[in-house]
Each structure stands twice: as C-alpha cells, then as structure tokens.
Amino acid sequence: MLAGAINNIQVSWVKLNRRLSQLCLHAGANDYGGTLMEENISREAGATAGQYTSPEDFQNLTMEIGRIPAERNTTYSRINIKVPIADLITEHAFMPEFA
C-alpha cells in the first residue's frame, strides 16, 4: 500500500536502546540515526538508552547484524561506505543492505 511512498525508516536508538534498534534494522528500518552531542528531550521524558554513541560504535553495531554501514546526507544519498572495500565481498556490493 505504501510501497515507494516511504523509502527510509530511521531507528531512534536513543528512545529504544542499542539491541532493540538492531532488531528494527532487521525488521526493515534502514537508518540508525546519528550521533548526538547533547540530547535532553528523550532523556527528560524517561529514555535511558544514552545520549552519545560514537561513529565507530554505530559501525560496529551495524556490522554485528550483517549490515554494511554507510554515511548518508539529508536526502539519503550515500556519501561513504564505512568499511574497507577489501572487506566487501562482490555479492554484498550489489545488495541493498546498507544501513
């Protein structure tokens, strides 16, 4: 019904937590969100998942579930794949598994 209308779903790791966020990526989300330097709104509302995760931690959390981390811009154009190209298997390079 909404095929093509919603192309990207962002996981709010601050509100969920890291493990539940990984499960959301398995369920169809394709954006892990980003780093926050100071987050107050979710924390004041009761979220306990934290307010800072380094880019390296995001990459590791993404790779733990078999996804390939990639940096994107505001319009979801891929800017940079965040793993060494030698680590990519040819078949993976053509899969839509980029988080």
N, C-alpha and C. Protein backbone atom coordinates (compact mmCIF):
# COMPACT_ATOMS: atom_id res chain seq x y z
N MET A 1 0.81 -1.18 0.00
CA MET A 1 0.00 0.00 0.00
C MET A 1 0.86 1.26 0.00
N LEU A 2 1.92 1.26 0.78
CA LEU A 2 2.80 2.43 0.83
C LEU A 2 4.10 2.21 0.07
N ALA A 3 4.18 1.15 -0.71
CA ALA A 3 5.40 0.85 -1.44
C ALA A 3 5.84 2.05 -2.26
N GLY A 4 7.06 2.49 -2.02
CA GLY A 4 7.60 3.63 -2.75
C GLY A 4 7.27 4.97 -2.12
N ALA A 5 6.29 5.03 -1.23
CA ALA A 5 5.92 6.29 -0.59
C ALA A 5 6.84 6.60 0.59
N ILE A 6 7.30 5.57 1.27
CA ILE A 6 8.22 5.74 2.40
C ILE A 6 9.44 4.87 2.11
N ASN A 7 10.52 5.53 1.75
CA ASN A 7 11.71 4.78 1.34
C ASN A 7 12.72 4.57 2.47
N ASN A 8 12.64 5.38 3.51
CA ASN A 8 13.62 5.29 4.58
C ASN A 8 12.94 5.38 5.93
N ILE A 9 13.37 4.50 6.83
CA ILE A 9 12.83 4.48 8.19
C ILE A 9 14.01 4.58 9.15
N GLN A 10 13.99 5.62 9.98
CA GLN A 10 15.08 5.84 10.93
C GLN A 10 14.73 5.25 12.29
N VAL A 11 15.69 4.56 12.87
CA VAL A 11 15.56 3.98 14.20
C VAL A 11 16.00 5.03 15.22
N SER A 12 15.20 5.23 16.25
CA SER A 12 15.58 6.15 17.32
C SER A 12 16.25 5.36 18.42
N TRP A 13 17.55 5.14 18.28
CA TRP A 13 18.29 4.34 19.25
C TRP A 13 18.28 4.98 20.63
N VAL A 14 18.14 6.31 20.69
CA VAL A 14 18.09 6.99 21.99
C VAL A 14 16.83 6.59 22.76
N LYS A 15 15.73 6.41 22.06
CA LYS A 15 14.47 6.05 22.72
C LYS A 15 14.35 4.55 22.96
N LEU A 16 14.95 3.74 22.10
CA LEU A 16 14.77 2.29 22.18
C LEU A 16 15.86 1.62 23.02
N ASN A 17 17.02 1.58 22.56
CA ASN A 17 18.28 1.08 23.10
C ASN A 17 19.01 0.42 21.94
N ARG A 18 20.22 0.04 22.15
CA ARG A 18 21.03 -0.46 21.03
C ARG A 18 20.51 -1.79 20.50
N ARG A 19 20.18 -2.72 21.36
CA ARG A 19 19.73 -4.05 20.90
C ARG A 19 18.40 -3.96 20.16
N LEU A 20 17.44 -3.25 20.71
CA LEU A 20 16.15 -3.11 20.05
C LEU A 20 16.30 -2.36 18.72
N SER A 21 17.22 -1.42 18.67
CA SER A 21 17.48 -0.71 17.42
C SER A 21 18.01 -1.66 16.35
N GLN A 22 18.88 -2.59 16.75
CA GLN A 22 19.38 -3.59 15.80
C GLN A 22 18.22 -4.45 15.28
N LEU A 23 17.30 -4.81 16.15
CA LEU A 23 16.15 -5.60 15.72
C LEU A 23 15.28 -4.82 14.73
N CYS A 24 15.18 -3.51 14.93
CA CYS A 24 14.42 -2.68 14.00
C CYS A 24 15.07 -2.67 12.61
N LEU A 25 16.41 -2.70 12.57
CA LEU A 25 17.08 -2.78 11.28
C LEU A 25 16.76 -4.11 10.60
N HIS A 26 16.67 -5.18 11.37
CA HIS A 26 16.27 -6.48 10.82
C HIS A 26 14.84 -6.44 10.29
N ALA A 27 14.00 -5.63 10.92
CA ALA A 27 12.57 -5.58 10.55
C ALA A 27 12.28 -4.63 9.40
N GLY A 28 13.29 -3.95 8.88
CA GLY A 28 13.06 -3.11 7.71
C GLY A 28 13.57 -1.69 7.78
N ALA A 29 13.92 -1.21 8.96
CA ALA A 29 14.49 0.13 9.04
C ALA A 29 15.83 0.14 8.33
N ASN A 30 16.20 1.30 7.80
CA ASN A 30 17.47 1.37 7.07
C ASN A 30 18.33 2.55 7.49
N ASP A 31 18.02 3.16 8.63
CA ASP A 31 18.78 4.30 9.09
C ASP A 31 18.92 4.21 10.61
N TYR A 32 20.16 4.14 11.08
CA TYR A 32 20.41 4.00 12.51
C TYR A 32 20.37 5.34 13.24
N GLY A 33 20.04 6.39 12.54
CA GLY A 33 20.07 7.70 13.18
C GLY A 33 21.47 8.23 13.15
N GLY A 34 21.85 9.00 14.14
CA GLY A 34 23.18 9.58 14.14
C GLY A 34 23.66 9.85 15.53
N THR A 35 24.83 10.43 15.59
CA THR A 35 25.39 10.77 16.89
C THR A 35 24.75 12.04 17.42
N LEU A 36 24.55 12.07 18.70
CA LEU A 36 24.01 13.25 19.37
C LEU A 36 25.05 13.72 20.36
N MET A 37 25.31 14.99 20.36
CA MET A 37 26.28 15.52 21.31
C MET A 37 25.62 15.81 22.65
N GLU A 38 24.41 16.31 22.62
CA GLU A 38 23.68 16.58 23.85
C GLU A 38 22.20 16.42 23.57
N GLU A 39 21.60 15.40 24.13
CA GLU A 39 20.19 15.11 23.91
C GLU A 39 19.47 15.23 25.24
N ASN A 40 18.49 16.10 25.32
CA ASN A 40 17.78 16.32 26.57
C ASN A 40 16.32 15.89 26.53
N ILE A 41 15.67 16.03 25.40
CA ILE A 41 14.23 15.80 25.31
C ILE A 41 13.88 14.36 25.66
N SER A 42 14.49 13.39 25.00
CA SER A 42 14.18 11.98 25.26
C SER A 42 14.58 11.59 26.68
N ARG A 43 15.73 12.08 27.12
CA ARG A 43 16.19 11.75 28.47
C ARG A 43 15.24 12.29 29.53
N GLU A 44 14.77 13.52 29.35
CA GLU A 44 13.84 14.09 30.31
C GLU A 44 12.48 13.40 30.26
N ALA A 45 12.17 12.77 29.14
CA ALA A 45 10.92 12.02 29.01
C ALA A 45 11.05 10.60 29.55
N GLY A 46 12.25 10.22 29.99
CA GLY A 46 12.42 8.92 30.61
C GLY A 46 13.26 7.93 29.84
N ALA A 47 13.74 8.29 28.65
CA ALA A 47 14.58 7.37 27.88
C ALA A 47 15.88 7.12 28.64
N THR A 48 16.34 5.88 28.60
CA THR A 48 17.56 5.52 29.33
C THR A 48 18.65 4.96 28.41
N ALA A 49 18.45 5.05 27.11
CA ALA A 49 19.38 4.43 26.17
C ALA A 49 20.66 5.22 25.99
N GLY A 50 20.77 6.38 26.53
CA GLY A 50 22.00 7.15 26.44
C GLY A 50 21.89 8.32 25.49
N GLN A 51 22.95 9.10 25.45
CA GLN A 51 22.89 10.25 24.60
C GLN A 51 24.08 10.37 23.66
N TYR A 52 25.06 9.48 23.75
CA TYR A 52 26.18 9.54 22.81
C TYR A 52 26.60 8.13 22.43
N THR A 53 26.73 7.91 21.14
CA THR A 53 27.31 6.69 20.59
C THR A 53 28.27 7.15 19.51
N SER A 54 29.48 6.72 19.57
CA SER A 54 30.49 7.17 18.60
C SER A 54 30.19 6.60 17.22
N PRO A 55 30.70 7.25 16.18
CA PRO A 55 30.53 6.69 14.83
C PRO A 55 31.06 5.27 14.72
N GLU A 56 32.17 4.99 15.40
CA GLU A 56 32.73 3.64 15.37
C GLU A 56 31.79 2.63 16.01
N ASP A 57 31.13 3.02 17.10
CA ASP A 57 30.15 2.13 17.74
C ASP A 57 28.98 1.86 16.80
N PHE A 58 28.49 2.90 16.12
CA PHE A 58 27.41 2.70 15.14
C PHE A 58 27.84 1.71 14.07
N GLN A 59 29.05 1.87 13.57
CA GLN A 59 29.54 0.96 12.54
C GLN A 59 29.59 -0.47 13.05
N ASN A 60 30.10 -0.66 14.26
CA ASN A 60 30.18 -2.00 14.84
C ASN A 60 28.79 -2.58 15.07
N LEU A 61 27.86 -1.79 15.61
CA LEU A 61 26.50 -2.28 15.85
C LEU A 61 25.83 -2.68 14.54
N THR A 62 26.10 -1.95 13.49
CA THR A 62 25.53 -2.25 12.18
C THR A 62 26.14 -3.52 11.60
N MET A 63 27.46 -3.66 11.70
CA MET A 63 28.12 -4.84 11.15
C MET A 63 27.80 -6.10 11.95
N GLU A 64 27.53 -5.97 13.26
CA GLU A 64 27.17 -7.13 14.09
C GLU A 64 25.95 -7.87 13.55
N ILE A 65 25.06 -7.17 12.89
CA ILE A 65 23.85 -7.81 12.36
C ILE A 65 23.93 -8.07 10.86
N GLY A 66 25.15 -7.98 10.32
CA GLY A 66 25.35 -8.32 8.92
C GLY A 66 25.00 -7.22 7.93
N ARG A 67 24.86 -5.99 8.40
CA ARG A 67 24.58 -4.87 7.51
C ARG A 67 25.87 -4.10 7.25
N ILE A 68 25.90 -3.36 6.17
CA ILE A 68 27.07 -2.57 5.80
C ILE A 68 26.81 -1.12 6.15
N PRO A 69 27.58 -0.56 7.08
CA PRO A 69 27.35 0.84 7.46
C PRO A 69 27.76 1.79 6.35
N ALA A 70 26.95 2.83 6.18
CA ALA A 70 27.26 3.84 5.17
C ALA A 70 26.82 5.21 5.69
N GLU A 71 27.61 6.21 5.38
CA GLU A 71 27.25 7.58 5.73
C GLU A 71 26.34 8.12 4.62
N ARG A 72 25.35 8.92 5.01
CA ARG A 72 24.42 9.49 4.03
C ARG A 72 24.24 10.97 4.29
N ASN A 73 23.66 11.66 3.32
CA ASN A 73 23.35 13.07 3.55
C ASN A 73 21.86 13.20 3.88
N THR A 74 21.37 14.42 3.98
CA THR A 74 19.99 14.68 4.39
C THR A 74 18.97 14.07 3.45
N THR A 75 19.29 13.97 2.17
CA THR A 75 18.35 13.40 1.20
C THR A 75 18.59 11.91 0.95
N TYR A 76 19.33 11.28 1.83
CA TYR A 76 19.60 9.84 1.79
C TYR A 76 20.46 9.40 0.62
N SER A 77 21.23 10.30 0.05
CA SER A 77 22.22 9.88 -0.93
C SER A 77 23.42 9.34 -0.16
N ARG A 78 23.90 8.19 -0.58
CA ARG A 78 25.04 7.58 0.11
C ARG A 78 26.30 8.38 -0.18
N ILE A 79 27.02 8.72 0.87
CA ILE A 79 28.24 9.51 0.74
C ILE A 79 29.48 8.63 0.82
N ASN A 80 29.47 7.70 1.78
CA ASN A 80 30.68 6.96 2.07
C ASN A 80 30.33 5.63 2.72
N ILE A 81 30.85 4.55 2.16
CA ILE A 81 30.71 3.25 2.81
C ILE A 81 31.78 3.18 3.88
N LYS A 82 31.40 2.74 5.08
CA LYS A 82 32.29 2.85 6.23
C LYS A 82 33.07 1.58 6.57
N VAL A 83 33.32 0.74 5.62
CA VAL A 83 34.19 -0.42 5.84
C VAL A 83 35.21 -0.44 4.70
N PRO A 84 36.39 -0.97 4.95
CA PRO A 84 37.38 -1.05 3.87
C PRO A 84 36.82 -1.85 2.71
N ILE A 85 37.02 -1.38 1.50
CA ILE A 85 36.48 -2.02 0.31
C ILE A 85 36.94 -3.47 0.20
N ALA A 86 38.13 -3.77 0.72
CA ALA A 86 38.64 -5.15 0.67
C ALA A 86 37.80 -6.09 1.52
N ASP A 87 37.07 -5.54 2.51
CA ASP A 87 36.24 -6.36 3.38
C ASP A 87 34.90 -6.71 2.74
N LEU A 88 34.57 -6.04 1.64
CA LEU A 88 33.30 -6.31 0.98
C LEU A 88 33.45 -7.46 0.00
N ILE A 89 32.55 -8.39 0.06
CA ILE A 89 32.51 -9.49 -0.90
C ILE A 89 31.74 -8.96 -2.10
N THR A 90 32.11 -9.34 -3.29
CA THR A 90 31.48 -8.83 -4.50
C THR A 90 29.96 -8.93 -4.44
N GLU A 91 29.41 -10.04 -3.97
CA GLU A 91 27.96 -10.19 -3.93
C GLU A 91 27.32 -9.18 -2.99
N HIS A 92 28.01 -8.79 -1.92
CA HIS A 92 27.46 -7.81 -0.98
C HIS A 92 27.42 -6.41 -1.58
N ALA A 93 28.34 -6.10 -2.48
CA ALA A 93 28.41 -4.77 -3.05
C ALA A 93 27.15 -4.39 -3.81
N PHE A 94 26.38 -5.37 -4.24
CA PHE A 94 25.18 -5.09 -5.02
C PHE A 94 23.89 -5.30 -4.25
N MET A 95 23.99 -5.59 -2.96
CA MET A 95 22.81 -5.83 -2.14
C MET A 95 22.35 -4.53 -1.48
N PRO A 96 21.05 -4.34 -1.30
CA PRO A 96 20.53 -3.13 -0.65
C PRO A 96 20.58 -3.23 0.86
N GLU A 97 21.67 -3.72 1.41
CA GLU A 97 21.76 -3.96 2.84
C GLU A 97 22.49 -2.85 3.57
N PHE A 98 22.58 -1.70 2.94
CA PHE A 98 23.28 -0.59 3.57
C PHE A 98 22.37 0.04 4.60
N ALA A 99 22.85 0.23 5.82
CA ALA A 99 22.04 0.82 6.90
C ALA A 99 22.03 2.32 6.79
